[in-house]
């Protein structure tokens, strides 16, 4: 199931909070950063899908 854009952004915000937390180890920060980059790509893909859909809807009008 594809996550909603808002869900992806929420997960990214949580990752940023953890990375900025002074209690997070360097190893955990690296793992979180990797997860964040995957989420950013998913957000970009989702936005591209939405843009295509909006463009198609505009053509139908």
Protein backbone atom coordinates (compact mmCIF):
# COMPACT_ATOMS: atom_id res chain seq x y z
CA UNK A 1 0.00 0.00 0.00
CA UNK A 2 1.29 3.43 -0.93
CA UNK A 3 1.56 5.83 1.98
CA UNK A 4 -0.06 9.22 1.75
CA UNK A 5 2.19 12.21 1.24
CA UNK A 6 1.19 13.54 4.67
CA UNK A 7 2.23 10.27 6.32
CA UNK A 8 5.64 10.42 4.64
CA UNK A 9 6.16 14.03 5.78
CA UNK A 10 5.16 13.09 9.32
CA UNK A 11 7.74 10.29 9.35
CA UNK A 12 10.39 12.69 8.03
CA UNK A 13 9.61 15.17 10.81
CA UNK A 14 10.06 12.43 13.41
CA UNK A 15 13.41 11.48 11.90
CA UNK A 16 14.59 15.10 11.96
CA UNK A 17 13.57 15.39 15.63
CA UNK A 18 15.58 12.27 16.48
CA UNK A 19 18.62 13.44 14.50
CA UNK A 20 18.54 16.83 16.24
CA UNK A 21 18.15 15.16 19.65
CA UNK A 22 21.40 15.27 21.61
CA UNK A 23 20.75 11.72 22.85
CA UNK A 24 20.96 10.05 19.43
CA UNK A 25 24.19 8.17 18.70
CA UNK A 26 26.15 8.76 15.52
CA UNK A 27 25.38 5.25 14.25
CA UNK A 28 21.67 5.80 14.82
CA UNK A 29 21.88 9.20 13.11
CA UNK A 30 23.37 7.56 10.01
CA UNK A 31 20.59 4.97 9.95
CA UNK A 32 17.96 7.69 10.39
CA UNK A 33 19.56 9.75 7.63
CA UNK A 34 19.40 6.77 5.28
CA UNK A 35 15.72 6.24 6.16
CA UNK A 36 15.11 9.94 5.60
CA UNK A 37 16.62 9.90 2.13
CA UNK A 38 14.33 7.00 1.18
CA UNK A 39 11.32 8.93 2.49
CA UNK A 40 12.36 12.05 0.55
CA UNK A 41 12.50 9.99 -2.65
CA UNK A 42 9.07 8.55 -1.89
CA UNK A 43 7.72 12.09 -1.35
CA UNK A 44 9.19 13.22 -4.66
CA UNK A 45 7.70 10.20 -6.44
CA UNK A 46 4.32 10.84 -4.84
CA UNK A 47 4.40 14.51 -5.88
CA UNK A 48 5.30 13.51 -9.43
CA UNK A 49 2.35 11.11 -9.54
CA UNK A 50 0.04 13.86 -8.30
CA UNK A 51 1.41 16.34 -10.83
CA UNK A 52 0.78 13.89 -13.68
CA UNK A 53 -2.75 13.25 -12.46
CA UNK A 54 -3.50 16.99 -12.23
CA UNK A 55 -2.09 17.52 -15.72
CA UNK A 56 -4.28 14.72 -17.08
CA UNK A 57 -7.34 16.16 -15.37
CA UNK A 58 -6.57 19.55 -16.90
CA UNK A 59 -6.49 18.02 -20.37
CA UNK A 60 -9.88 16.43 -19.86
CA UNK A 61 -11.53 19.80 -19.19
